[in-house]
Amino acid sequence: MSDEPEKGRFDAAAFYAALDRTRAERGLRWKQVGDEAKVSPSTLTRLAQGRRPDVDSLAALVDWAGLSADDFVRRTQSRQETHGTLAGVSTYLRADKNLDDRKAEAIEKVIEVMYRQMTDG
């Protein structure tokens, strides 16, 4: 076995946590999630057990939750190196329909100050 880190690993636990947050925000039970996303109860059970979904179920669930599957792929080269952490945060905040530009900018400033303090950047 090599000491090289895994490439392109899907983080099923993080994906499940994001789905669970979306489910809770919408006030739904898991059965309702399955019905709305058109995935089987066994798919949701497997996810709860930390197992990865099949490709079609993944597509259905990211569509239902408004997520990006790419956010759950762990790479050897971090997204920070390729996209910039603060730029990514800004993109997500400005895409949030619950925030107008003024609110998104205020949150960005707070995150930027904290990020720079924590990373000595």
PDB file of N, CA and C in Angstrom:
ATOM      1  N   MET A   1       0.835  -1.195   0.000  1.00  0.00           N
ATOM      2  CA  MET A   1       0.000   0.000   0.000  1.00  0.00           C
ATOM      3  C   MET A   1       0.874   1.251   0.000  1.00  0.00           C
ATOM      4  N   SER A   2       0.500   2.241  -0.732  1.00  0.00           N
ATOM      5  CA  SER A   2       1.277   3.462  -0.884  1.00  0.00           C
ATOM      6  C   SER A   2       0.960   4.448   0.232  1.00  0.00           C
ATOM      7  N   ASP A   3       1.925   5.340   0.534  1.00  0.00           N
ATOM      8  CA  ASP A   3       1.700   6.405   1.505  1.00  0.00           C
ATOM      9  C   ASP A   3       1.016   7.610   0.869  1.00  0.00           C
ATOM     10  N   GLU A   4       0.799   7.533  -0.437  1.00  0.00           N
ATOM     11  CA  GLU A   4       0.170   8.621  -1.164  1.00  0.00           C
ATOM     12  C   GLU A   4      -1.282   8.767  -0.715  1.00  0.00           C
ATOM     13  N   PRO A   5      -1.763  10.010  -0.483  1.00  0.00           N
ATOM     14  CA  PRO A   5      -3.156  10.200  -0.058  1.00  0.00           C
ATOM     15  C   PRO A   5      -4.140   9.750  -1.130  1.00  0.00           C
ATOM     16  N   GLU A   6      -5.338   9.375  -0.677  1.00  0.00           N
ATOM     17  CA  GLU A   6      -6.387   8.980  -1.619  1.00  0.00           C
ATOM     18  C   GLU A   6      -6.714  10.140  -2.536  1.00  0.00           C
ATOM     19  N   LYS A   7      -7.025   9.843  -3.770  1.00  0.00           N
ATOM     20  CA  LYS A   7      -7.403  10.876  -4.733  1.00  0.00           C
ATOM     21  C   LYS A   7      -8.881  10.732  -5.068  1.00  0.00           C
ATOM     22  N   GLY A   8      -9.563  11.842  -5.075  1.00  0.00           N
ATOM     23  CA  GLY A   8     -10.946  11.835  -5.499  1.00  0.00           C
ATOM     24  C   GLY A   8     -11.881  11.032  -4.617  1.00  0.00           C
ATOM     25  N   ARG A   9     -11.687  11.043  -3.317  1.00  0.00           N
ATOM     26  CA  ARG A   9     -12.540  10.290  -2.397  1.00  0.00           C
ATOM     27  C   ARG A   9     -13.812  11.090  -2.104  1.00  0.00           C
ATOM     28  N   PHE A  10     -14.959  10.428  -2.191  1.00  0.00           N
ATOM     29  CA  PHE A  10     -16.241  11.061  -1.886  1.00  0.00           C
ATOM     30  C   PHE A  10     -16.474  10.989  -0.379  1.00  0.00           C
ATOM     31  N   ASP A  11     -16.738  12.124   0.249  1.00  0.00           N
ATOM     32  CA  ASP A  11     -16.957  12.195   1.692  1.00  0.00           C
ATOM     33  C   ASP A  11     -18.448  11.980   1.981  1.00  0.00           C
ATOM     34  N   ALA A  12     -18.823  10.717   2.122  1.00  0.00           N
ATOM     35  CA  ALA A  12     -20.231  10.360   2.321  1.00  0.00           C
ATOM     36  C   ALA A  12     -20.777  10.921   3.626  1.00  0.00           C
ATOM     37  N   ALA A  13     -19.956  10.969   4.675  1.00  0.00           N
ATOM     38  CA  ALA A  13     -20.417  11.484   5.968  1.00  0.00           C
ATOM     39  C   ALA A  13     -20.762  12.971   5.872  1.00  0.00           C
ATOM     40  N   ALA A  14     -19.928  13.737   5.188  1.00  0.00           N
ATOM     41  CA  ALA A  14     -20.204  15.168   5.025  1.00  0.00           C
ATOM     42  C   ALA A  14     -21.441  15.379   4.151  1.00  0.00           C
ATOM     43  N   PHE A  15     -21.593  14.540   3.128  1.00  0.00           N
ATOM     44  CA  PHE A  15     -22.762  14.638   2.257  1.00  0.00           C
ATOM     45  C   PHE A  15     -24.040  14.358   3.046  1.00  0.00           C
ATOM     46  N   TYR A  16     -24.012  13.309   3.855  1.00  0.00           N
ATOM     47  CA  TYR A  16     -25.174  12.964   4.671  1.00  0.00           C
ATOM     48  C   TYR A  16     -25.498  14.096   5.650  1.00  0.00           C
ATOM     49  N   ALA A  17     -24.463  14.686   6.252  1.00  0.00           N
ATOM     50  CA  ALA A  17     -24.689  15.793   7.197  1.00  0.00           C
ATOM     51  C   ALA A  17     -25.343  16.979   6.493  1.00  0.00           C
ATOM     52  N   ALA A  18     -24.910  17.276   5.272  1.00  0.00           N
ATOM     53  CA  ALA A  18     -25.511  18.378   4.509  1.00  0.00           C
ATOM     54  C   ALA A  18     -26.964  18.065   4.153  1.00  0.00           C
ATOM     55  N   LEU A  19     -27.220  16.817   3.772  1.00  0.00           N
ATOM     56  CA  LEU A  19     -28.605  16.416   3.492  1.00  0.00           C
ATOM     57  C   LEU A  19     -29.468  16.538   4.744  1.00  0.00           C
ATOM     58  N   ASP A  20     -28.913  16.118   5.872  1.00  0.00           N
ATOM     59  CA  ASP A  20     -29.661  16.175   7.124  1.00  0.00           C
ATOM     60  C   ASP A  20     -29.985  17.620   7.505  1.00  0.00           C
ATOM     61  N   ARG A  21     -29.039  18.530   7.293  1.00  0.00           N
ATOM     62  CA  ARG A  21     -29.302  19.952   7.572  1.00  0.00           C
ATOM     63  C   ARG A  21     -30.427  20.459   6.670  1.00  0.00           C
ATOM     64  N   THR A  22     -30.366  20.103   5.396  1.00  0.00           N
ATOM     65  CA  THR A  22     -31.408  20.536   4.458  1.00  0.00           C
ATOM     66  C   THR A  22     -32.758  19.957   4.857  1.00  0.00           C
ATOM     67  N   ARG A  23     -32.769  18.668   5.203  1.00  0.00           N
ATOM     68  CA  ARG A  23     -33.996  18.009   5.639  1.00  0.00           C
ATOM     69  C   ARG A  23     -34.593  18.728   6.843  1.00  0.00           C
ATOM     70  N   ALA A  24     -33.742  19.021   7.845  1.00  0.00           N
ATOM     71  CA  ALA A  24     -34.212  19.677   9.067  1.00  0.00           C
ATOM     72  C   ALA A  24     -34.718  21.092   8.775  1.00  0.00           C
ATOM     73  N   GLU A  25     -33.990  21.833   7.924  1.00  0.00           N
ATOM     74  CA  GLU A  25     -34.419  23.191   7.564  1.00  0.00           C
ATOM     75  C   GLU A  25     -35.796  23.191   6.907  1.00  0.00           C
ATOM     76  N   ARG A  26     -36.076  22.132   6.153  1.00  0.00           N
ATOM     77  CA  ARG A  26     -37.367  22.042   5.455  1.00  0.00           C
ATOM     78  C   ARG A  26     -38.438  21.377   6.305  1.00  0.00           C
ATOM     79  N   GLY A  27     -38.060  20.939   7.501  1.00  0.00           N
ATOM     80  CA  GLY A  27     -39.025  20.322   8.409  1.00  0.00           C
ATOM     81  C   GLY A  27     -39.571  18.992   7.913  1.00  0.00           C
ATOM     82  N   LEU A  28     -38.716  18.199   7.271  1.00  0.00           N
ATOM     83  CA  LEU A  28     -39.155  16.937   6.691  1.00  0.00           C
ATOM     84  C   LEU A  28     -38.624  15.739   7.455  1.00  0.00           C
ATOM     85  N   ARG A  29     -39.319  14.620   7.300  1.00  0.00           N
ATOM     86  CA  ARG A  29     -38.814  13.327   7.775  1.00  0.00           C
ATOM     87  C   ARG A  29     -38.044  12.697   6.627  1.00  0.00           C
ATOM     88  N   TRP A  30     -37.215  11.705   6.942  1.00  0.00           N
ATOM     89  CA  TRP A  30     -36.411  11.067   5.903  1.00  0.00           C
ATOM     90  C   TRP A  30     -37.272  10.409   4.829  1.00  0.00           C
ATOM     91  N   LYS A  31     -38.417   9.866   5.214  1.00  0.00           N
ATOM     92  CA  LYS A  31     -39.304   9.259   4.223  1.00  0.00           C
ATOM     93  C   LYS A  31     -39.746  10.295   3.202  1.00  0.00           C
ATOM     94  N   GLN A  32     -40.034  11.499   3.678  1.00  0.00           N
ATOM     95  CA  GLN A  32     -40.436  12.567   2.767  1.00  0.00           C
ATOM     96  C   GLN A  32     -39.289  12.965   1.835  1.00  0.00           C
ATOM     97  N   VAL A  33     -38.064  12.960   2.370  1.00  0.00           N
ATOM     98  CA  VAL A  33     -36.902  13.251   1.529  1.00  0.00           C
ATOM     99  C   VAL A  33     -36.825  12.230   0.398  1.00  0.00           C
ATOM    100  N   GLY A  34     -36.951  10.959   0.749  1.00  0.00           N
ATOM    101  CA  GLY A  34     -36.899   9.901  -0.254  1.00  0.00           C
ATOM    102  C   GLY A  34     -37.987  10.063  -1.301  1.00  0.00           C
ATOM    103  N   ASP A  35     -39.186  10.373  -0.839  1.00  0.00           N
ATOM    104  CA  ASP A  35     -40.301  10.561  -1.774  1.00  0.00           C
ATOM    105  C   ASP A  35     -40.050  11.738  -2.714  1.00  0.00           C
ATOM    106  N   GLU A  36     -39.630  12.878  -2.152  1.00  0.00           N
ATOM    107  CA  GLU A  36     -39.414  14.070  -2.963  1.00  0.00           C
ATOM    108  C   GLU A  36     -38.233  13.914  -3.923  1.00  0.00           C
ATOM    109  N   ALA A  37     -37.146  13.282  -3.440  1.00  0.00           N
ATOM    110  CA  ALA A  37     -35.950  13.125  -4.267  1.00  0.00           C
ATOM    111  C   ALA A  37     -36.048  11.911  -5.187  1.00  0.00           C
ATOM    112  N   LYS A  38     -37.040  11.080  -4.925  1.00  0.00           N
ATOM    113  CA  LYS A  38     -37.249   9.845  -5.699  1.00  0.00           C
ATOM    114  C   LYS A  38     -36.075   8.874  -5.551  1.00  0.00           C
ATOM    115  N   VAL A  39     -35.663   8.680  -4.280  1.00  0.00           N
ATOM    116  CA  VAL A  39     -34.644   7.677  -3.962  1.00  0.00           C
ATOM    117  C   VAL A  39     -35.241   6.701  -2.957  1.00  0.00           C
ATOM    118  N   SER A  40     -34.713   5.494  -2.939  1.00  0.00           N
ATOM    119  CA  SER A  40     -35.259   4.442  -2.087  1.00  0.00           C
ATOM    120  C   SER A  40     -34.884   4.666  -0.618  1.00  0.00           C
ATOM    121  N   PRO A  41     -35.713   4.160   0.280  1.00  0.00           N
ATOM    122  CA  PRO A  41     -35.369   4.226   1.701  1.00  0.00           C
ATOM    123  C   PRO A  41     -34.033   3.546   1.999  1.00  0.00           C
ATOM    124  N   SER A  42     -33.724   2.468   1.276  1.00  0.00           N
ATOM    125  CA  SER A  42     -32.454   1.771   1.525  1.00  0.00           C
ATOM    126  C   SER A  42     -31.258   2.650   1.156  1.00  0.00           C
ATOM    127  N   THR A  43     -31.411   3.521   0.164  1.00  0.00           N
ATOM    128  CA  THR A  43     -30.334   4.456  -0.177  1.00  0.00           C
ATOM    129  C   THR A  43     -30.062   5.390   0.985  1.00  0.00           C
ATOM    130  N   LEU A  44     -31.124   5.911   1.582  1.00  0.00           N
ATOM    131  CA  LEU A  44     -30.965   6.826   2.709  1.00  0.00           C
ATOM    132  C   LEU A  44     -30.389   6.104   3.927  1.00  0.00           C
ATOM    133  N   THR A  45     -30.777   4.851   4.128  1.00  0.00           N
ATOM    134  CA  THR A  45     -30.215   4.055   5.228  1.00  0.00           C
ATOM    135  C   THR A  45     -28.726   3.828   5.013  1.00  0.00           C
ATOM    136  N   ARG A  46     -28.337   3.496   3.804  1.00  0.00           N
ATOM    137  CA  ARG A  46     -26.908   3.296   3.498  1.00  0.00           C
ATOM    138  C   ARG A  46     -26.120   4.577   3.750  1.00  0.00           C
ATOM    139  N   LEU A  47     -26.671   5.705   3.348  1.00  0.00           N
ATOM    140  CA  LEU A  47     -25.996   6.984   3.601  1.00  0.00           C
ATOM    141  C   LEU A  47     -25.830   7.225   5.103  1.00  0.00           C
ATOM    142  N   ALA A  48     -26.866   6.933   5.864  1.00  0.00           N
ATOM    143  CA  ALA A  48     -26.802   7.111   7.321  1.00  0.00           C
ATOM    144  C   ALA A  48     -25.730   6.225   7.945  1.00  0.00           C
ATOM    145  N   GLN A  49     -25.409   5.130   7.277  1.00  0.00           N
ATOM    146  CA  GLN A  49     -24.384   4.203   7.754  1.00  0.00           C
ATOM    147  C   GLN A  49     -22.991   4.570   7.238  1.00  0.00           C
ATOM    148  N   GLY A  50     -22.883   5.704   6.526  1.00  0.00           N
ATOM    149  CA  GLY A  50     -21.592   6.162   6.028  1.00  0.00           C
ATOM    150  C   GLY A  50     -21.186   5.590   4.687  1.00  0.00           C
ATOM    151  N   ARG A  51     -22.111   4.907   4.029  1.00  0.00           N
ATOM    152  CA  ARG A  51     -21.808   4.330   2.722  1.00  0.00           C
ATOM    153  C   ARG A  51     -22.162   5.320   1.620  1.00  0.00           C
ATOM    154  N   ARG A  52     -21.519   5.158   0.472  1.00  0.00           N
ATOM    155  CA  ARG A  52     -21.727   6.070  -0.654  1.00  0.00           C
ATOM    156  C   ARG A  52     -22.982   5.690  -1.446  1.00  0.00           C
ATOM    157  N   PRO A  53     -23.652   6.701  -1.990  1.00  0.00           N
ATOM    158  CA  PRO A  53     -24.821   6.420  -2.832  1.00  0.00           C
ATOM    159  C   PRO A  53     -24.376   6.023  -4.234  1.00  0.00           C
ATOM    160  N   ASP A  54     -25.275   5.385  -4.983  1.00  0.00           N
ATOM    161  CA  ASP A  54     -24.992   5.126  -6.394  1.00  0.00           C
ATOM    162  C   ASP A  54     -25.105   6.454  -7.144  1.00  0.00           C
ATOM    163  N   VAL A  55     -24.622   6.486  -8.349  1.00  0.00           N
ATOM    164  CA  VAL A  55     -24.536   7.730  -9.115  1.00  0.00           C
ATOM    165  C   VAL A  55     -25.908   8.380  -9.327  1.00  0.00           C
ATOM    166  N   ASP A  56     -26.912   7.587  -9.679  1.00  0.00           N
ATOM    167  CA  ASP A  56     -28.243   8.155  -9.922  1.00  0.00           C
ATOM    168  C   ASP A  56     -28.850   8.726  -8.643  1.00  0.00           C
ATOM    169  N   SER A  57     -28.655   8.032  -7.519  1.00  0.00           N
ATOM    170  CA  SER A  57     -29.167   8.538  -6.245  1.00  0.00           C
ATOM    171  C   SER A  57     -28.430   9.803  -5.839  1.00  0.00           C
ATOM    172  N   LEU A  58     -27.124   9.829  -6.058  1.00  0.00           N
ATOM    173  CA  LEU A  58     -26.346  11.031  -5.761  1.00  0.00           C
ATOM    174  C   LEU A  58     -26.885  12.214  -6.560  1.00  0.00           C
ATOM    175  N   ALA A  59     -27.100  12.008  -7.848  1.00  0.00           N
ATOM    176  CA  ALA A  59     -27.622  13.084  -8.700  1.00  0.00           C
ATOM    177  C   ALA A  59     -28.985  13.557  -8.209  1.00  0.00           C
ATOM    178  N   ALA A  60     -29.855  12.622  -7.861  1.00  0.00           N
ATOM    179  CA  ALA A  60     -31.195  12.985  -7.387  1.00  0.00           C
ATOM    180  C   ALA A  60     -31.131  13.768  -6.083  1.00  0.00           C
ATOM    181  N   LEU A  61     -30.261  13.334  -5.176  1.00  0.00           N
ATOM    182  CA  LEU A  61     -30.174  13.994  -3.869  1.00  0.00           C
ATOM    183  C   LEU A  61     -29.511  15.368  -3.942  1.00  0.00           C
ATOM    184  N   VAL A  62     -28.463  15.523  -4.761  1.00  0.00           N
ATOM    185  CA  VAL A  62     -27.859  16.854  -4.872  1.00  0.00           C
ATOM    186  C   VAL A  62     -28.833  17.812  -5.543  1.00  0.00           C
ATOM    187  N   ASP A  63     -29.618  17.309  -6.493  1.00  0.00           N
ATOM    188  CA  ASP A  63     -30.629  18.151  -7.127  1.00  0.00           C
ATOM    189  C   ASP A  63     -31.697  18.553  -6.117  1.00  0.00           C
ATOM    190  N   TRP A  64     -32.182  17.583  -5.347  1.00  0.00           N
ATOM    191  CA  TRP A  64     -33.219  17.864  -4.357  1.00  0.00           C
ATOM    192  C   TRP A  64     -32.739  18.888  -3.324  1.00  0.00           C
ATOM    193  N   ALA A  65     -31.499  18.747  -2.868  1.00  0.00           N
ATOM    194  CA  ALA A  65     -30.983  19.605  -1.800  1.00  0.00           C
ATOM    195  C   ALA A  65     -30.351  20.898  -2.313  1.00  0.00           C
ATOM    196  N   GLY A  66     -30.146  21.006  -3.624  1.00  0.00           N
ATOM    197  CA  GLY A  66     -29.491  22.200  -4.153  1.00  0.00           C
ATOM    198  C   GLY A  66     -28.010  22.239  -3.807  1.00  0.00           C
ATOM    199  N   LEU A  67     -27.393  21.075  -3.720  1.00  0.00           N
ATOM    200  CA  LEU A  67     -25.977  20.975  -3.374  1.00  0.00           C
ATOM    201  C   LEU A  67     -25.155  20.711  -4.628  1.00  0.00           C
ATOM    202  N   SER A  68     -23.853  20.767  -4.480  1.00  0.00           N
ATOM    203  CA  SER A  68     -22.933  20.393  -5.548  1.00  0.00           C
ATOM    204  C   SER A  68     -22.156  19.168  -5.087  1.00  0.00           C
ATOM    205  N   ALA A  69     -22.216  18.093  -5.848  1.00  0.00           N
ATOM    206  CA  ALA A  69     -21.481  16.872  -5.495  1.00  0.00           C
ATOM    207  C   ALA A  69     -19.991  17.151  -5.391  1.00  0.00           C
ATOM    208  N   ASP A  70     -19.507  18.080  -6.166  1.00  0.00           N
ATOM    209  CA  ASP A  70     -18.083  18.416  -6.168  1.00  0.00           C
ATOM    210  C   ASP A  70     -17.607  18.891  -4.795  1.00  0.00           C
ATOM    211  N   ASP A  71     -18.498  19.479  -4.015  1.00  0.00           N
ATOM    212  CA  ASP A  71     -18.123  19.957  -2.687  1.00  0.00           C
ATOM    213  C   ASP A  71     -17.782  18.819  -1.729  1.00  0.00           C
ATOM    214  N   PHE A  72     -18.129  17.600  -2.085  1.00  0.00           N
ATOM    215  CA  PHE A  72     -17.909  16.461  -1.199  1.00  0.00           C
ATOM    216  C   PHE A  72     -16.820  15.521  -1.712  1.00  0.00           C
ATOM    217  N   VAL A  73     -16.120  15.941  -2.757  1.00  0.00           N
ATOM    218  CA  VAL A  73     -14.991  15.161  -3.270  1.00  0.00           C
ATOM    219  C   VAL A  73     -13.728  15.715  -2.629  1.00  0.00           C
ATOM    220  N   ARG A  74     -12.988  14.835  -1.950  1.00  0.00           N
ATOM    221  CA  ARG A  74     -11.762  15.236  -1.262  1.00  0.00           C
ATOM    222  C   ARG A  74     -10.583  14.944  -2.179  1.00  0.00           C
ATOM    223  N   ARG A  75      -9.820  15.970  -2.459  1.00  0.00           N
ATOM    224  CA  ARG A  75      -8.708  15.869  -3.396  1.00  0.00           C
ATOM    225  C   ARG A  75      -7.373  16.027  -2.681  1.00  0.00           C
ATOM    226  N   THR A  76      -6.300  15.590  -3.349  1.00  0.00           N
ATOM    227  CA  THR A  76      -4.979  15.802  -2.782  1.00  0.00           C
ATOM    228  C   THR A  76      -4.608  17.272  -2.883  1.00  0.00           C
ATOM    229  N   GLN A  77      -5.051  17.956  -3.926  1.00  0.00           N
ATOM    230  CA  GLN A  77      -4.851  19.393  -4.047  1.00  0.00           C
ATOM    231  C   GLN A  77      -6.130  20.053  -3.554  1.00  0.00           C
ATOM    232  N   SER A  78      -6.016  20.871  -2.540  1.00  0.00           N
ATOM    233  CA  SER A  78      -7.218  21.431  -1.916  1.00  0.00           C
ATOM    234  C   SER A  78      -7.884  22.470  -2.810  1.00  0.00           C
ATOM    235  N   ARG A  79      -9.149  22.684  -2.554  1.00  0.00           N
ATOM    236  CA  ARG A  79      -9.899  23.721  -3.269  1.00  0.00           C
ATOM    237  C   ARG A  79      -9.294  25.080  -2.986  1.00  0.00           C
ATOM    238  N   GLN A  80      -8.720  25.227  -1.772  1.00  0.00           N
ATOM    239  CA  GLN A  80      -8.099  26.503  -1.421  1.00  0.00           C
ATOM    240  C   GLN A  80      -6.990  26.834  -2.412  1.00  0.00           C
ATOM    241  N   GLU A  81      -6.217  25.838  -2.792  1.00  0.00           N
ATOM    242  CA  GLU A  81      -5.121  26.063  -3.727  1.00  0.00           C
ATOM    243  C   GLU A  81      -5.648  26.362  -5.127  1.00  0.00           C
ATOM    244  N   THR A  82      -6.777  25.799  -5.481  1.00  0.00           N
ATOM    245  CA  THR A  82      -7.261  25.965  -6.843  1.00  0.00           C
ATOM    246  C   THR A  82      -8.276  27.098  -6.987  1.00  0.00           C
ATOM    247  N   HIS A  83      -9.039  27.407  -5.960  1.00  0.00           N
ATOM    248  CA  HIS A  83     -10.102  28.407  -6.113  1.00  0.00           C
ATOM    249  C   HIS A  83     -10.021  29.552  -5.126  1.00  0.00           C
ATOM    250  N   GLY A  84      -9.360  29.380  -4.018  1.00  0.00           N
ATOM    251  CA  GLY A  84      -9.317  30.416  -3.002  1.00  0.00           C
ATOM    252  C   GLY A  84     -10.479  30.274  -2.048  1.00  0.00           C
ATOM    253  N   THR A  85     -10.176  30.102  -0.791  1.00  0.00           N
ATOM    254  CA  THR A  85     -11.208  29.896   0.221  1.00  0.00           C
ATOM    255  C   THR A  85     -12.171  31.066   0.304  1.00  0.00           C
ATOM    256  N   LEU A  86     -11.646  32.275   0.396  1.00  0.00           N
ATOM    257  CA  LEU A  86     -12.527  33.433   0.560  1.00  0.00           C
ATOM    258  C   LEU A  86     -13.388  33.683  -0.676  1.00  0.00           C
ATOM    259  N   ALA A  87     -12.855  33.406  -1.835  1.00  0.00           N
ATOM    260  CA  ALA A  87     -13.657  33.548  -3.064  1.00  0.00           C
ATOM    261  C   ALA A  87     -14.798  32.541  -3.056  1.00  0.00           C
ATOM    262  N   GLY A  88     -14.529  31.329  -2.584  1.00  0.00           N
ATOM    263  CA  GLY A  88     -15.572  30.313  -2.503  1.00  0.00           C
ATOM    264  C   GLY A  88     -16.669  30.701  -1.536  1.00  0.00           C
ATOM    265  N   VAL A  89     -16.268  31.247  -0.383  1.00  0.00           N
ATOM    266  CA  VAL A  89     -17.252  31.692   0.618  1.00  0.00           C
ATOM    267  C   VAL A  89     -18.125  32.786   0.020  1.00  0.00           C
ATOM    268  N   SER A  90     -17.501  33.725  -0.654  1.00  0.00           N
ATOM    269  CA  SER A  90     -18.242  34.823  -1.275  1.00  0.00           C
ATOM    270  C   SER A  90     -19.264  34.306  -2.280  1.00  0.00           C
ATOM    271  N   THR A  91     -18.861  33.328  -3.076  1.00  0.00           N
ATOM    272  CA  THR A  91     -19.760  32.750  -4.080  1.00  0.00           C
ATOM    273  C   THR A  91     -20.988  32.149  -3.424  1.00  0.00           C
ATOM    274  N   TYR A  92     -20.769  31.378  -2.360  1.00  0.00           N
ATOM    275  CA  TYR A  92     -21.897  30.750  -1.669  1.00  0.00           C
ATOM    276  C   TYR A  92     -22.799  31.777  -1.009  1.00  0.00           C
ATOM    277  N   LEU A  93     -22.217  32.766  -0.363  1.00  0.00           N
ATOM    278  CA  LEU A  93     -23.037  33.777   0.313  1.00  0.00           C
ATOM    279  C   LEU A  93     -23.884  34.560  -0.692  1.00  0.00           C
ATOM    280  N   ARG A  94     -23.303  34.919  -1.796  1.00  0.00           N
ATOM    281  CA  ARG A  94     -24.040  35.722  -2.773  1.00  0.00           C
ATOM    282  C   ARG A  94     -25.081  34.911  -3.537  1.00  0.00           C
ATOM    283  N   ALA A  95     -24.954  33.583  -3.503  1.00  0.00           N
ATOM    284  CA  ALA A  95     -25.957  32.719  -4.132  1.00  0.00           C
ATOM    285  C   ALA A  95     -27.116  32.403  -3.189  1.00  0.00           C
ATOM    286  N   ASP A  96     -26.965  32.744  -1.912  1.00  0.00           N
ATOM    287  CA  ASP A  96     -27.989  32.429  -0.911  1.00  0.00           C
ATOM    288  C   ASP A  96     -29.181  33.367  -1.092  1.00  0.00           C
ATOM    289  N   LYS A  97     -30.327  32.807  -1.413  1.00  0.00           N
ATOM    290  CA  LYS A  97     -31.520  33.622  -1.669  1.00  0.00           C
ATOM    291  C   LYS A  97     -32.038  34.326  -0.419  1.00  0.00           C
ATOM    292  N   ASN A  98     -31.537  33.920   0.758  1.00  0.00           N
ATOM    293  CA  ASN A  98     -31.967  34.554   2.006  1.00  0.00           C
ATOM    294  C   ASN A  98     -31.163  35.809   2.342  1.00  0.00           C
ATOM    295  N   LEU A  99     -30.113  36.086   1.572  1.00  0.00           N
ATOM    296  CA  LEU A  99     -29.254  37.234   1.842  1.00  0.00           C
ATOM    297  C   LEU A  99     -29.276  38.211   0.676  1.00  0.00           C
ATOM    298  N   ASP A 100     -29.469  39.494   0.995  1.00  0.00           N
ATOM    299  CA  ASP A 100     -29.278  40.490  -0.054  1.00  0.00           C
ATOM    300  C   ASP A 100     -27.781  40.816  -0.107  1.00  0.00           C
ATOM    301  N   ASP A 101     -27.367  41.629  -1.072  1.00  0.00           N
ATOM    302  CA  ASP A 101     -25.940  41.918  -1.259  1.00  0.00           C
ATOM    303  C   ASP A 101     -25.306  42.539  -0.013  1.00  0.00           C
ATOM    304  N   ARG A 102     -26.024  43.422   0.642  1.00  0.00           N
ATOM    305  CA  ARG A 102     -25.495  44.098   1.827  1.00  0.00           C
ATOM    306  C   ARG A 102     -25.218  43.105   2.956  1.00  0.00           C
ATOM    307  N   LYS A 103     -26.140  42.179   3.181  1.00  0.00           N
ATOM    308  CA  LYS A 103     -25.963  41.175   4.235  1.00  0.00           C
ATOM    309  C   LYS A 103     -24.848  40.198   3.889  1.00  0.00           C
ATOM    310  N   ALA A 104     -24.798  39.777   2.641  1.00  0.00           N
ATOM    311  CA  ALA A 104     -23.740  38.861   2.217  1.00  0.00           C
ATOM    312  C   ALA A 104     -22.374  39.511   2.397  1.00  0.00           C
ATOM    313  N   GLU A 105     -22.261  40.772   2.036  1.00  0.00           N
ATOM    314  CA  GLU A 105     -20.984  41.481   2.187  1.00  0.00           C
ATOM    315  C   GLU A 105     -20.591  41.612   3.655  1.00  0.00           C
ATOM    316  N   ALA A 106     -21.540  41.858   4.523  1.00  0.00           N
ATOM    317  CA  ALA A 106     -21.240  41.975   5.955  1.00  0.00           C
ATOM    318  C   ALA A 106     -20.708  40.650   6.504  1.00  0.00           C
ATOM    319  N   ILE A 107     -21.337  39.554   6.117  1.00  0.00           N
ATOM    320  CA  ILE A 107     -20.874  38.237   6.571  1.00  0.00           C
ATOM    321  C   ILE A 107     -19.494  37.944   5.992  1.00  0.00           C
ATOM    322  N   GLU A 108     -19.273  38.294   4.735  1.00  0.00           N
ATOM    323  CA  GLU A 108     -17.964  38.099   4.101  1.00  0.00           C
ATOM    324  C   GLU A 108     -16.864  38.792   4.884  1.00  0.00           C
ATOM    325  N   LYS A 109     -17.125  40.031   5.305  1.00  0.00           N
ATOM    326  CA  LYS A 109     -16.109  40.794   6.036  1.00  0.00           C
ATOM    327  C   LYS A 109     -15.760  40.115   7.359  1.00  0.00           C
ATOM    328  N   VAL A 110     -16.758  39.629   8.071  1.00  0.00           N
ATOM    329  CA  VAL A 110     -16.513  38.935   9.337  1.00  0.00           C
ATOM    330  C   VAL A 110     -15.685  37.677   9.100  1.00  0.00           C
ATOM    331  N   ILE A 111     -16.073  36.906   8.104  1.00  0.00           N
ATOM    332  CA  ILE A 111     -15.355  35.662   7.803  1.00  0.00           C
ATOM    333  C   ILE A 111     -13.924  35.972   7.374  1.00  0.00           C
ATOM    334  N   GLU A 112     -13.740  37.013   6.564  1.00  0.00           N
ATOM    335  CA  GLU A 112     -12.394  37.358   6.104  1.00  0.00           C
ATOM    336  C   GLU A 112     -11.487  37.721   7.275  1.00  0.00           C
ATOM    337  N   VAL A 113     -11.981  38.525   8.209  1.00  0.00           N
ATOM    338  CA  VAL A 113     -11.172  38.897   9.374  1.00  0.00           C
ATOM    339  C   VAL A 113     -10.794  37.653  10.178  1.00  0.00           C
ATOM    340  N   MET A 114     -11.757  36.797  10.446  1.00  0.00           N
ATOM    341  CA  MET A 114     -11.482  35.585  11.218  1.00  0.00           C
ATOM    342  C   MET A 114     -10.537  34.653  10.470  1.00  0.00           C
ATOM    343  N   TYR A 115     -10.740  34.512   9.167  1.00  0.00           N
ATOM    344  CA  TYR A 115      -9.893  33.639   8.362  1.00  0.00           C
ATOM    345  C   TYR A 115      -8.447  34.115   8.407  1.00  0.00           C
ATOM    346  N   ARG A 116      -8.249  35.407   8.225  1.00  0.00           N
ATOM    347  CA  ARG A 116      -6.893  35.949   8.222  1.00  0.00           C
ATOM    348  C   ARG A 116      -6.235  35.790   9.595  1.00  0.00           C
ATOM    349  N   GLN A 117      -6.997  35.940  10.657  1.00  0.00           N
ATOM    350  CA  GLN A 117      -6.437  35.756  12.007  1.00  0.00           C
ATOM    351  C   GLN A 117      -6.053  34.292  12.246  1.00  0.00           C
ATOM    352  N   MET A 118      -6.866  33.389  11.774  1.00  0.00           N
ATOM    353  CA  MET A 118      -6.626  31.959  12.021  1.00  0.00           C
ATOM    354  C   MET A 118      -5.535  31.378  11.123  1.00  0.00           C
ATOM    355  N   THR A 119      -5.322  31.981   9.956  1.00  0.00           N
ATOM    356  CA  THR A 119      -4.333  31.436   9.025  1.00  0.00           C
ATOM    357  C   THR A 119      -3.065  32.275   8.977  1.00  0.00           C
ATOM    358  N   ASP A 120      -3.021  33.322   9.778  1.00  0.00           N
ATOM    359  CA  ASP A 120      -1.870  34.248   9.766  1.00  0.00           C
ATOM    360  C   ASP A 120      -1.634  34.808   8.381  1.00  0.00           C
ATOM    361  N   GLY A 121      -2.731  34.959   7.626  1.00  0.00           N
ATOM    362  CA  GLY A 121      -2.602  35.445   6.246  1.00  0.00           C
ATOM    363  C   GLY A 121      -3.064  36.800   6.160  1.00  0.00           C
TER     364      GLY A 121
END
